[in-house]
């Protein structure tokens, strides 16, 4: 049973978000994002992302008052949405809905990060890290296991029931599956340390290729499981820090059962893409753009995978 005071507080915040979401400017911003993604931009688009929220609460607008974990999570989301709209909205779009994450468990790749951290600001989530190198020889590659996906349907139903109690009549309650973030560089950096990984690129490129192949195949397995279990998210409003609105998707021939062709995701493939395609594991639907750049091209800009249908298919 939710605390009535907490419910009232969350609904008050939700009412404010709903009023903002109903403003005509929201559709105007969506139209501008569609033009940008169609490569016919009307003007440069601006999005403020990865905000240092711990430094912005001078007036108490972001202070959380709910004690219940469910209410507190929604309260934080609503307060941050209202704060950003008031102080630095730029081209954000406020949607008339609340996404409720499904209770999906991912075992990951089976590797635990071994690190030392330095804290300079205890109120910040930003830390300094020194990672131990856990991939020093060929035998270490066996540490990487394909992620296993499972779904706790009863917990998902509980979360939805809570959300309906909080938001019915104000905001749409939308069950939300996994919004994949597919990065090769990020996990490797935490498993090896950045310096060790960069040296290995030069001194042991074949080893890095084999590491990337195991990691890529693990992602492919994870995506297959998410699709088979119906656990991929619906079409998004954002891809990381970019408006995801487009008239190009779903493409002709779209199969609602093949959700990945409609799911977009932020990726970092180009940061460490090998010069030759790794094995496709007999699954051309998930062929990946890993052949797009040489090993040395560890660029710093992530790319958005808009549609797997655009990548070359396996022979």
C-alpha atoms as a PDB file:
ATOM      1  CA  UNK A   1       0.000   0.000   0.000  1.00  0.00           C
ATOM      2  CA  UNK A   2       1.465   3.309  -1.070  1.00  0.00           C
ATOM      3  CA  UNK A   3       1.610   6.237   1.322  1.00  0.00           C
ATOM      4  CA  UNK A   4      -1.273   8.586   0.440  1.00  0.00           C
ATOM      5  CA  UNK A   5       0.842  11.698   0.959  1.00  0.00           C
ATOM      6  CA  UNK A   6       3.482  10.340  -1.396  1.00  0.00           C
ATOM      7  CA  UNK A   7       0.861   9.459  -3.999  1.00  0.00           C
ATOM      8  CA  UNK A   8      -0.577  12.969  -3.807  1.00  0.00           C
ATOM      9  CA  UNK A   9       2.872  14.513  -4.162  1.00  0.00           C
ATOM     10  CA  UNK A  10       3.776  12.397  -7.209  1.00  0.00           C
ATOM     11  CA  UNK A  11       0.416  13.099  -8.853  1.00  0.00           C
ATOM     12  CA  UNK A  12       0.899  16.831  -8.327  1.00  0.00           C
ATOM     13  CA  UNK A  13       4.245  16.662 -10.118  1.00  0.00           C
ATOM     14  CA  UNK A  14       2.759  14.442 -12.826  1.00  0.00           C
ATOM     15  CA  UNK A  15      -0.008  16.972 -13.425  1.00  0.00           C
ATOM     16  CA  UNK A  16       2.630  19.634 -14.079  1.00  0.00           C
ATOM     17  CA  UNK A  17       4.428  17.370 -16.554  1.00  0.00           C
ATOM     18  CA  UNK A  18       1.150  16.512 -18.278  1.00  0.00           C
ATOM     19  CA  UNK A  19       0.365  20.210 -18.769  1.00  0.00           C
ATOM     20  CA  UNK A  20       3.767  20.806 -20.328  1.00  0.00           C
ATOM     21  CA  UNK A  21       3.460  17.697 -22.534  1.00  0.00           C
ATOM     22  CA  UNK A  22       0.163  19.046 -23.930  1.00  0.00           C
ATOM     23  CA  UNK A  23       1.726  22.289 -25.180  1.00  0.00           C
ATOM     24  CA  UNK A  24       1.778  22.722 -29.000  1.00  0.00           C
ATOM     25  CA  UNK A  25       5.525  23.352 -28.872  1.00  0.00           C
ATOM     26  CA  UNK A  26       6.119  19.653 -28.179  1.00  0.00           C
ATOM     27  CA  UNK A  27       4.855  18.648 -31.623  1.00  0.00           C
ATOM     28  CA  UNK A  28       6.816  21.526 -33.152  1.00  0.00           C
ATOM     29  CA  UNK A  29       9.999  20.089 -31.613  1.00  0.00           C
ATOM     30  CA  UNK A  30       9.136  16.575 -32.783  1.00  0.00           C
ATOM     31  CA  UNK A  31       8.744  17.910 -36.319  1.00  0.00           C
ATOM     32  CA  UNK A  32      12.164  19.566 -36.135  1.00  0.00           C
ATOM     33  CA  UNK A  33      13.770  16.314 -34.973  1.00  0.00           C
ATOM     34  CA  UNK A  34      12.074  14.437 -37.820  1.00  0.00           C
ATOM     35  CA  UNK A  35      13.495  16.944 -40.301  1.00  0.00           C
ATOM     36  CA  UNK A  36      16.966  16.535 -38.824  1.00  0.00           C
ATOM     37  CA  UNK A  37      16.801  12.741 -38.944  1.00  0.00           C
ATOM     38  CA  UNK A  38      15.564  12.918 -42.539  1.00  0.00           C
ATOM     39  CA  UNK A  39      18.746  14.888 -43.314  1.00  0.00           C
ATOM     40  CA  UNK A  40      16.690  18.006 -44.097  1.00  0.00           C
ATOM     41  CA  UNK A  41      17.319  20.059 -40.956  1.00  0.00           C
ATOM     42  CA  UNK A  42      15.491  23.300 -40.402  1.00  0.00           C
ATOM     43  CA  UNK A  43      18.080  24.526 -37.896  1.00  0.00           C
ATOM     44  CA  UNK A  44      20.713  23.074 -35.566  1.00  0.00           C
ATOM     45  CA  UNK A  45      19.101  21.094 -32.756  1.00  0.00           C
ATOM     46  CA  UNK A  46      20.310  21.349 -29.156  1.00  0.00           C
ATOM     47  CA  UNK A  47      19.958  18.783 -26.378  1.00  0.00           C
ATOM     48  CA  UNK A  48      21.397  19.071 -22.872  1.00  0.00           C
ATOM     49  CA  UNK A  49      22.346  15.624 -21.609  1.00  0.00           C
ATOM     50  CA  UNK A  50      24.301  14.035 -18.740  1.00  0.00           C
ATOM     51  CA  UNK A  51      23.406  16.827 -16.362  1.00  0.00           C
ATOM     52  CA  UNK A  52      25.317  17.425 -13.112  1.00  0.00           C
ATOM     53  CA  UNK A  53      22.115  17.269 -11.058  1.00  0.00           C
ATOM     54  CA  UNK A  54      23.985  17.219  -7.741  1.00  0.00           C
ATOM     55  CA  UNK A  55      25.145  20.798  -8.412  1.00  0.00           C
ATOM     56  CA  UNK A  56      21.770  22.298  -9.371  1.00  0.00           C
ATOM     57  CA  UNK A  57      19.594  21.999  -6.277  1.00  0.00           C
ATOM     58  CA  UNK A  58      20.283  25.432  -4.830  1.00  0.00           C
ATOM     59  CA  UNK A  59      16.595  26.294  -4.487  1.00  0.00           C
ATOM     60  CA  UNK A  60      15.364  22.896  -3.321  1.00  0.00           C
ATOM     61  CA  UNK A  61      13.450  22.178  -6.532  1.00  0.00           C
ATOM     62  CA  UNK A  62      15.151  18.801  -6.821  1.00  0.00           C
ATOM     63  CA  UNK A  63      14.889  17.738  -3.170  1.00  0.00           C
ATOM     64  CA  UNK A  64      13.108  14.383  -2.915  1.00  0.00           C
ATOM     65  CA  UNK A  65      10.420  13.985  -0.276  1.00  0.00           C
ATOM     66  CA  UNK A  66       9.056  10.485  -0.883  1.00  0.00           C
ATOM     67  CA  UNK A  67      10.455   7.637   1.216  1.00  0.00           C
ATOM     68  CA  UNK A  68       8.874   4.777  -0.744  1.00  0.00           C
ATOM     69  CA  UNK A  69      11.345   3.472  -3.343  1.00  0.00           C
ATOM     70  CA  UNK A  70       8.816   3.355  -6.210  1.00  0.00           C
ATOM     71  CA  UNK A  71       7.424   6.806  -5.502  1.00  0.00           C
ATOM     72  CA  UNK A  72      10.893   8.223  -4.975  1.00  0.00           C
ATOM     73  CA  UNK A  73      12.093   7.020  -8.370  1.00  0.00           C
ATOM     74  CA  UNK A  74       9.155   8.597 -10.167  1.00  0.00           C
ATOM     75  CA  UNK A  75       9.474  11.748  -8.072  1.00  0.00           C
ATOM     76  CA  UNK A  76      13.088  12.172  -9.145  1.00  0.00           C
ATOM     77  CA  UNK A  77      12.195  11.719 -12.815  1.00  0.00           C
ATOM     78  CA  UNK A  78       9.317  14.195 -12.637  1.00  0.00           C
ATOM     79  CA  UNK A  79      11.257  16.827 -10.694  1.00  0.00           C
ATOM     80  CA  UNK A  80      14.158  16.659 -13.123  1.00  0.00           C
ATOM     81  CA  UNK A  81      11.810  16.938 -16.110  1.00  0.00           C
ATOM     82  CA  UNK A  82      10.104  19.998 -14.629  1.00  0.00           C
ATOM     83  CA  UNK A  83      13.434  21.554 -13.654  1.00  0.00           C
ATOM     84  CA  UNK A  84      14.950  21.088 -17.096  1.00  0.00           C
ATOM     85  CA  UNK A  85      11.857  22.456 -18.811  1.00  0.00           C
ATOM     86  CA  UNK A  86      11.965  25.526 -16.588  1.00  0.00           C
ATOM     87  CA  UNK A  87      15.682  26.262 -16.744  1.00  0.00           C
ATOM     88  CA  UNK A  88      17.261  24.747 -19.888  1.00  0.00           C
ATOM     89  CA  UNK A  89      14.675  23.089 -22.163  1.00  0.00           C
ATOM     90  CA  UNK A  90      16.400  23.843 -25.506  1.00  0.00           C
ATOM     91  CA  UNK A  91      14.979  21.156 -27.862  1.00  0.00           C
ATOM     92  CA  UNK A  92      13.814  18.572 -25.340  1.00  0.00           C
ATOM     93  CA  UNK A  93      10.388  17.027 -25.919  1.00  0.00           C
ATOM     94  CA  UNK A  94       8.219  16.286 -22.893  1.00  0.00           C
ATOM     95  CA  UNK A  95       6.090  13.212 -23.564  1.00  0.00           C
ATOM     96  CA  UNK A  96       2.638  12.611 -22.001  1.00  0.00           C
ATOM     97  CA  UNK A  97       3.655   9.232 -20.617  1.00  0.00           C
ATOM     98  CA  UNK A  98       5.661   7.378 -17.986  1.00  0.00           C
ATOM     99  CA  UNK A  99       7.792   4.407 -18.978  1.00  0.00           C
ATOM    100  CA  UNK A 100       7.665   1.502 -16.522  1.00  0.00           C
ATOM    101  CA  UNK A 101      10.724  -0.771 -16.869  1.00  0.00           C
ATOM    102  CA  UNK A 102       9.940  -4.452 -17.174  1.00  0.00           C
ATOM    103  CA  UNK A 103      11.691  -6.625 -14.591  1.00  0.00           C
ATOM    104  CA  UNK A 104      14.361  -8.003 -16.905  1.00  0.00           C
ATOM    105  CA  UNK A 105      17.444  -9.730 -15.503  1.00  0.00           C
ATOM    106  CA  UNK A 106      20.658  -9.812 -17.519  1.00  0.00           C
ATOM    107  CA  UNK A 107      23.552 -11.943 -16.255  1.00  0.00           C
ATOM    108  CA  UNK A 108      26.033  -9.851 -18.232  1.00  0.00           C
ATOM    109  CA  UNK A 109      29.275 -11.213 -19.643  1.00  0.00           C
ATOM    110  CA  UNK A 110      30.314 -12.923 -16.413  1.00  0.00           C
ATOM    111  CA  UNK A 111      33.154 -10.532 -15.604  1.00  0.00           C
ATOM    112  CA  UNK A 112      33.296  -8.367 -12.514  1.00  0.00           C
ATOM    113  CA  UNK A 113      35.255  -5.138 -12.778  1.00  0.00           C
ATOM    114  CA  UNK A 114      38.301  -5.024 -10.500  1.00  0.00           C
ATOM    115  CA  UNK A 115      39.198  -1.422  -9.767  1.00  0.00           C
ATOM    116  CA  UNK A 116      40.290   1.270  -7.378  1.00  0.00           C
ATOM    117  CA  UNK A 117      38.248   4.462  -7.217  1.00  0.00           C
ATOM    118  CA  UNK A 118      38.964   8.009  -6.068  1.00  0.00           C
ATOM    119  CA  UNK A 119      36.095  10.191  -4.861  1.00  0.00           C
ATOM    120  CA  UNK A 120      36.514  13.945  -5.172  1.00  0.00           C
ATOM    121  CA  UNK A 121      32.866  14.913  -4.611  1.00  0.00           C
ATOM    122  CA  UNK A 122      30.702  12.552  -2.510  1.00  0.00           C
ATOM    123  CA  UNK A 123      27.515  14.050  -3.985  1.00  0.00           C
ATOM    124  CA  UNK A 124      28.557  13.194  -7.553  1.00  0.00           C
ATOM    125  CA  UNK A 125      28.242   9.906  -9.428  1.00  0.00           C
ATOM    126  CA  UNK A 126      31.430  10.790 -11.318  1.00  0.00           C
ATOM    127  CA  UNK A 127      34.445   8.909  -9.957  1.00  0.00           C
ATOM    128  CA  UNK A 128      38.052   8.358 -10.980  1.00  0.00           C
ATOM    129  CA  UNK A 129      38.831   4.723 -11.783  1.00  0.00           C
ATOM    130  CA  UNK A 130      41.956   2.601 -11.984  1.00  0.00           C
ATOM    131  CA  UNK A 131      41.086  -0.728 -13.598  1.00  0.00           C
ATOM    132  CA  UNK A 132      42.987  -3.994 -13.217  1.00  0.00           C
ATOM    133  CA  UNK A 133      43.848  -5.815 -16.452  1.00  0.00           C
ATOM    134  CA  UNK A 134      41.894  -9.082 -16.514  1.00  0.00           C
ATOM    135  CA  UNK A 135      42.768  -9.968 -20.140  1.00  0.00           C
ATOM    136  CA  UNK A 136      46.483 -10.642 -20.397  1.00  0.00           C
ATOM    137  CA  UNK A 137      46.558 -13.936 -22.328  1.00  0.00           C
ATOM    138  CA  UNK A 138      44.509 -16.119 -24.664  1.00  0.00           C
ATOM    139  CA  UNK A 139      43.084 -18.182 -21.810  1.00  0.00           C
ATOM    140  CA  UNK A 140      41.481 -15.062 -20.353  1.00  0.00           C
ATOM    141  CA  UNK A 141      39.147 -14.811 -23.372  1.00  0.00           C
ATOM    142  CA  UNK A 142      37.192 -17.761 -21.970  1.00  0.00           C
ATOM    143  CA  UNK A 143      36.036 -15.491 -19.149  1.00  0.00           C
ATOM    144  CA  UNK A 144      33.516 -13.882 -21.525  1.00  0.00           C
ATOM    145  CA  UNK A 145      30.151 -15.668 -21.451  1.00  0.00           C
ATOM    146  CA  UNK A 146      27.050 -14.858 -23.464  1.00  0.00           C
ATOM    147  CA  UNK A 147      24.532 -12.891 -21.365  1.00  0.00           C
ATOM    148  CA  UNK A 148      21.435 -14.801 -20.262  1.00  0.00           C
ATOM    149  CA  UNK A 149      18.107 -12.931 -20.225  1.00  0.00           C
ATOM    150  CA  UNK A 150      15.119 -13.691 -17.993  1.00  0.00           C
ATOM    151  CA  UNK A 151      11.917 -11.864 -17.095  1.00  0.00           C
ATOM    152  CA  UNK A 152      10.102 -11.687 -13.760  1.00  0.00           C
ATOM    153  CA  UNK A 153       6.546 -11.201 -15.031  1.00  0.00           C
ATOM    154  CA  UNK A 154       5.008 -10.903 -11.556  1.00  0.00           C
ATOM    155  CA  UNK A 155       7.383  -8.079 -10.634  1.00  0.00           C
ATOM    156  CA  UNK A 156       6.576  -6.320 -13.888  1.00  0.00           C
ATOM    157  CA  UNK A 157       2.860  -6.529 -13.060  1.00  0.00           C
ATOM    158  CA  UNK A 158       3.538  -5.112  -9.590  1.00  0.00           C
ATOM    159  CA  UNK A 159       5.425  -2.174 -11.085  1.00  0.00           C
ATOM    160  CA  UNK A 160       2.614  -1.492 -13.526  1.00  0.00           C
ATOM    161  CA  UNK A 161       0.005  -1.592 -10.757  1.00  0.00           C
ATOM    162  CA  UNK A 162       1.987   0.991  -8.784  1.00  0.00           C
ATOM    163  CA  UNK A 163       2.342   3.203 -11.865  1.00  0.00           C
ATOM    164  CA  UNK A 164      -1.378   3.049 -12.634  1.00  0.00           C
ATOM    165  CA  UNK A 165      -2.181   4.101  -9.065  1.00  0.00           C
ATOM    166  CA  UNK A 166       0.184   7.048  -9.394  1.00  0.00           C
ATOM    167  CA  UNK A 167      -0.552   8.252 -12.924  1.00  0.00           C
ATOM    168  CA  UNK A 168      -3.951   7.129 -14.188  1.00  0.00           C
ATOM    169  CA  UNK A 169      -5.882  10.110 -15.520  1.00  0.00           C
ATOM    170  CA  UNK A 170      -2.699  12.166 -15.881  1.00  0.00           C
ATOM    171  CA  UNK A 171      -0.031  10.361 -17.880  1.00  0.00           C
ATOM    172  CA  UNK A 172      -0.078   7.212 -20.001  1.00  0.00           C
ATOM    173  CA  UNK A 173       1.533   4.228 -18.273  1.00  0.00           C
ATOM    174  CA  UNK A 174       3.679   2.417 -20.828  1.00  0.00           C
ATOM    175  CA  UNK A 175       5.435  -0.920 -20.109  1.00  0.00           C
ATOM    176  CA  UNK A 176       9.041  -0.510 -21.186  1.00  0.00           C
ATOM    177  CA  UNK A 177      11.420  -3.231 -22.298  1.00  0.00           C
ATOM    178  CA  UNK A 178      15.174  -3.106 -22.677  1.00  0.00           C
ATOM    179  CA  UNK A 179      16.631  -0.139 -24.546  1.00  0.00           C
ATOM    180  CA  UNK A 180      19.950  -1.704 -25.622  1.00  0.00           C
ATOM    181  CA  UNK A 181      23.249   0.098 -25.219  1.00  0.00           C
ATOM    182  CA  UNK A 182      25.769  -1.859 -27.279  1.00  0.00           C
ATOM    183  CA  UNK A 183      29.321  -0.823 -26.573  1.00  0.00           C
ATOM    184  CA  UNK A 184      32.545  -2.656 -27.322  1.00  0.00           C
ATOM    185  CA  UNK A 185      34.984  -0.088 -25.989  1.00  0.00           C
ATOM    186  CA  UNK A 186      33.324   0.636 -22.647  1.00  0.00           C
ATOM    187  CA  UNK A 187      33.452  -2.885 -21.188  1.00  0.00           C
ATOM    188  CA  UNK A 188      36.935  -3.532 -22.582  1.00  0.00           C
ATOM    189  CA  UNK A 189      38.196  -0.323 -20.962  1.00  0.00           C
ATOM    190  CA  UNK A 190      36.855  -1.463 -17.579  1.00  0.00           C
ATOM    191  CA  UNK A 191      38.129  -5.042 -17.955  1.00  0.00           C
ATOM    192  CA  UNK A 192      41.645  -4.093 -19.071  1.00  0.00           C
ATOM    193  CA  UNK A 193      42.199  -0.435 -18.256  1.00  0.00           C
ATOM    194  CA  UNK A 194      42.382   2.144 -21.039  1.00  0.00           C
ATOM    195  CA  UNK A 195      46.176   2.212 -21.305  1.00  0.00           C
ATOM    196  CA  UNK A 196      46.470  -1.577 -21.391  1.00  0.00           C
ATOM    197  CA  UNK A 197      43.771  -1.813 -24.049  1.00  0.00           C
ATOM    198  CA  UNK A 198      45.462   0.778 -26.254  1.00  0.00           C
ATOM    199  CA  UNK A 199      48.838  -0.966 -25.980  1.00  0.00           C
ATOM    200  CA  UNK A 200      47.177  -4.275 -26.847  1.00  0.00           C
ATOM    201  CA  UNK A 201      45.733  -2.710 -30.011  1.00  0.00           C
ATOM    202  CA  UNK A 202      49.270  -2.041 -31.195  1.00  0.00           C
ATOM    203  CA  UNK A 203      51.119  -5.026 -29.781  1.00  0.00           C
ATOM    204  CA  UNK A 204      48.437  -7.754 -30.041  1.00  0.00           C
ATOM    205  CA  UNK A 205      45.819  -6.790 -32.646  1.00  0.00           C
ATOM    206  CA  UNK A 206      44.836 -10.426 -33.219  1.00  0.00           C
ATOM    207  CA  UNK A 207      44.094 -10.841 -29.536  1.00  0.00           C
ATOM    208  CA  UNK A 208      41.886  -7.741 -29.581  1.00  0.00           C
ATOM    209  CA  UNK A 209      40.061  -9.077 -32.656  1.00  0.00           C
ATOM    210  CA  UNK A 210      39.287 -12.319 -30.837  1.00  0.00           C
ATOM    211  CA  UNK A 211      38.150 -10.427 -27.755  1.00  0.00           C
ATOM    212  CA  UNK A 212      35.875  -8.253 -29.894  1.00  0.00           C
ATOM    213  CA  UNK A 213      34.439 -11.293 -31.645  1.00  0.00           C
ATOM    214  CA  UNK A 214      33.479 -12.945 -28.342  1.00  0.00           C
ATOM    215  CA  UNK A 215      31.967  -9.692 -27.099  1.00  0.00           C
ATOM    216  CA  UNK A 216      30.046  -9.110 -30.338  1.00  0.00           C
ATOM    217  CA  UNK A 217      28.672 -12.652 -30.376  1.00  0.00           C
ATOM    218  CA  UNK A 218      27.560 -12.162 -26.781  1.00  0.00           C
ATOM    219  CA  UNK A 219      25.614  -9.059 -27.771  1.00  0.00           C
ATOM    220  CA  UNK A 220      24.025 -10.918 -30.688  1.00  0.00           C
ATOM    221  CA  UNK A 221      22.896 -13.690 -28.348  1.00  0.00           C
ATOM    222  CA  UNK A 222      21.517 -11.126 -25.903  1.00  0.00           C
ATOM    223  CA  UNK A 223      19.521  -9.389 -28.652  1.00  0.00           C
ATOM    224  CA  UNK A 224      18.136 -12.700 -29.886  1.00  0.00           C
ATOM    225  CA  UNK A 225      16.898 -13.545 -26.396  1.00  0.00           C
ATOM    226  CA  UNK A 226      15.345 -10.119 -25.882  1.00  0.00           C
ATOM    227  CA  UNK A 227      13.522 -10.394 -29.185  1.00  0.00           C
ATOM    228  CA  UNK A 228      12.349 -13.959 -28.595  1.00  0.00           C
ATOM    229  CA  UNK A 229      10.957 -13.057 -25.174  1.00  0.00           C
ATOM    230  CA  UNK A 230       9.342  -9.809 -26.358  1.00  0.00           C
ATOM    231  CA  UNK A 231      11.498  -7.728 -24.037  1.00  0.00           C
ATOM    232  CA  UNK A 232      12.807  -5.050 -26.398  1.00  0.00           C
ATOM    233  CA  UNK A 233      11.481  -1.552 -25.788  1.00  0.00           C
ATOM    234  CA  UNK A 234       8.952   0.315 -27.879  1.00  0.00           C
ATOM    235  CA  UNK A 235      10.061   3.090 -30.300  1.00  0.00           C
ATOM    236  CA  UNK A 236      12.016   5.650 -28.301  1.00  0.00           C
ATOM    237  CA  UNK A 237      11.875   9.405 -27.963  1.00  0.00           C
ATOM    238  CA  UNK A 238      15.624   9.600 -27.412  1.00  0.00           C
ATOM    239  CA  UNK A 239      18.701   7.720 -28.517  1.00  0.00           C
ATOM    240  CA  UNK A 240      21.143   8.613 -25.763  1.00  0.00           C
ATOM    241  CA  UNK A 241      21.148  12.409 -26.218  1.00  0.00           C
ATOM    242  CA  UNK A 242      19.505  12.794 -29.618  1.00  0.00           C
ATOM    243  CA  UNK A 243      15.845  13.063 -30.586  1.00  0.00           C
ATOM    244  CA  UNK A 244      14.798   9.748 -32.152  1.00  0.00           C
ATOM    245  CA  UNK A 245      11.728  10.977 -34.040  1.00  0.00           C
ATOM    246  CA  UNK A 246      11.674   9.856 -37.658  1.00  0.00           C
ATOM    247  CA  UNK A 247       9.261   9.219 -40.517  1.00  0.00           C
ATOM    248  CA  UNK A 248      11.582   6.557 -41.960  1.00  0.00           C
ATOM    249  CA  UNK A 249      10.619   3.854 -39.456  1.00  0.00           C
ATOM    250  CA  UNK A 250       8.950   1.473 -39.446  1.00  0.00           C
ATOM    251  CA  UNK A 251      10.205   0.642 -42.927  1.00  0.00           C
ATOM    252  CA  UNK A 252       8.080  -1.098 -45.591  1.00  0.00           C
ATOM    253  CA  UNK A 253       7.710  -4.783 -44.761  1.00  0.00           C
ATOM    254  CA  UNK A 254       8.113  -4.184 -41.028  1.00  0.00           C
ATOM    255  CA  UNK A 255       7.199  -7.261 -38.983  1.00  0.00           C
ATOM    256  CA  UNK A 256       5.957  -6.369 -35.474  1.00  0.00           C
ATOM    257  CA  UNK A 257       7.332  -9.705 -34.291  1.00  0.00           C
ATOM    258  CA  UNK A 258      10.840  -8.696 -35.374  1.00  0.00           C
ATOM    259  CA  UNK A 259      11.196  -5.858 -32.926  1.00  0.00           C
ATOM    260  CA  UNK A 260      14.861  -5.086 -33.477  1.00  0.00           C
ATOM    261  CA  UNK A 261      14.140  -3.588 -36.876  1.00  0.00           C
ATOM    262  CA  UNK A 262      12.170  -0.889 -35.101  1.00  0.00           C
ATOM    263  CA  UNK A 263      14.394  -0.551 -32.056  1.00  0.00           C
ATOM    264  CA  UNK A 264      17.179   2.002 -32.178  1.00  0.00           C
ATOM    265  CA  UNK A 265      20.081   2.074 -29.800  1.00  0.00           C
ATOM    266  CA  UNK A 266      23.189   3.950 -28.869  1.00  0.00           C
ATOM    267  CA  UNK A 267      26.313   2.058 -29.725  1.00  0.00           C
ATOM    268  CA  UNK A 268      30.049   2.492 -29.770  1.00  0.00           C
ATOM    269  CA  UNK A 269      30.915   0.075 -32.547  1.00  0.00           C
ATOM    270  CA  UNK A 270      33.111   2.506 -34.444  1.00  0.00           C
ATOM    271  CA  UNK A 271      35.358   3.069 -31.463  1.00  0.00           C
ATOM    272  CA  UNK A 272      37.054  -0.281 -31.884  1.00  0.00           C
ATOM    273  CA  UNK A 273      35.817  -1.824 -35.101  1.00  0.00           C
ATOM    274  CA  UNK A 274      38.147  -4.471 -36.558  1.00  0.00           C
ATOM    275  CA  UNK A 275      39.025  -4.318 -40.259  1.00  0.00           C
ATOM    276  CA  UNK A 276      37.269  -7.602 -41.058  1.00  0.00           C
ATOM    277  CA  UNK A 277      33.839  -8.883 -40.136  1.00  0.00           C
ATOM    278  CA  UNK A 278      33.709 -11.343 -37.233  1.00  0.00           C
ATOM    279  CA  UNK A 279      31.619 -14.501 -37.634  1.00  0.00           C
ATOM    280  CA  UNK A 280      27.907 -13.753 -38.036  1.00  0.00           C
ATOM    281  CA  UNK A 281      26.914 -16.932 -36.180  1.00  0.00           C
ATOM    282  CA  UNK A 282      24.554 -17.823 -39.023  1.00  0.00           C
ATOM    283  CA  UNK A 283      22.210 -14.954 -38.181  1.00  0.00           C
ATOM    284  CA  UNK A 284      22.141 -12.311 -40.902  1.00  0.00           C
ATOM    285  CA  UNK A 285      19.317 -10.410 -39.169  1.00  0.00           C
ATOM    286  CA  UNK A 286      21.806  -9.226 -36.573  1.00  0.00           C
ATOM    287  CA  UNK A 287      24.732  -8.539 -38.905  1.00  0.00           C
ATOM    288  CA  UNK A 288      26.687  -5.724 -37.289  1.00  0.00           C
ATOM    289  CA  UNK A 289      28.675  -2.750 -38.621  1.00  0.00           C
ATOM    290  CA  UNK A 290      31.941  -3.950 -37.147  1.00  0.00           C
ATOM    291  CA  UNK A 291      33.735  -3.700 -40.483  1.00  0.00           C
ATOM    292  CA  UNK A 292      33.294   0.045 -40.744  1.00  0.00           C
ATOM    293  CA  UNK A 293      36.725   1.194 -39.580  1.00  0.00           C
ATOM    294  CA  UNK A 294      40.256  -0.104 -38.970  1.00  0.00           C
ATOM    295  CA  UNK A 295      41.365  -1.141 -35.506  1.00  0.00           C
ATOM    296  CA  UNK A 296      43.278   2.107 -35.074  1.00  0.00           C
ATOM    297  CA  UNK A 297      40.155   4.229 -35.575  1.00  0.00           C
ATOM    298  CA  UNK A 298      39.064   4.481 -31.965  1.00  0.00           C
ATOM    299  CA  UNK A 299      36.923   7.520 -32.555  1.00  0.00           C
ATOM    300  CA  UNK A 300      35.218   9.195 -29.639  1.00  0.00           C
ATOM    301  CA  UNK A 301      31.756   9.657 -31.120  1.00  0.00           C
ATOM    302  CA  UNK A 302      29.224   6.885 -30.612  1.00  0.00           C
ATOM    303  CA  UNK A 303      26.973   6.030 -33.525  1.00  0.00           C
ATOM    304  CA  UNK A 304      23.268   5.273 -33.400  1.00  0.00           C
ATOM    305  CA  UNK A 305      22.159   2.026 -34.973  1.00  0.00           C
ATOM    306  CA  UNK A 306      18.991   3.221 -36.663  1.00  0.00           C
ATOM    307  CA  UNK A 307      17.981  -0.005 -38.411  1.00  0.00           C
ATOM    308  CA  UNK A 308      19.757  -3.340 -38.663  1.00  0.00           C
ATOM    309  CA  UNK A 309      18.378  -3.701 -42.169  1.00  0.00           C
ATOM    310  CA  UNK A 310      20.898  -1.109 -43.343  1.00  0.00           C
ATOM    311  CA  UNK A 311      23.969  -3.143 -42.454  1.00  0.00           C
ATOM    312  CA  UNK A 312      25.467  -5.507 -45.047  1.00  0.00           C
ATOM    313  CA  UNK A 313      24.192  -9.046 -44.749  1.00  0.00           C
ATOM    314  CA  UNK A 314      26.325 -12.101 -44.178  1.00  0.00           C
ATOM    315  CA  UNK A 315      27.063 -14.156 -47.240  1.00  0.00           C
END
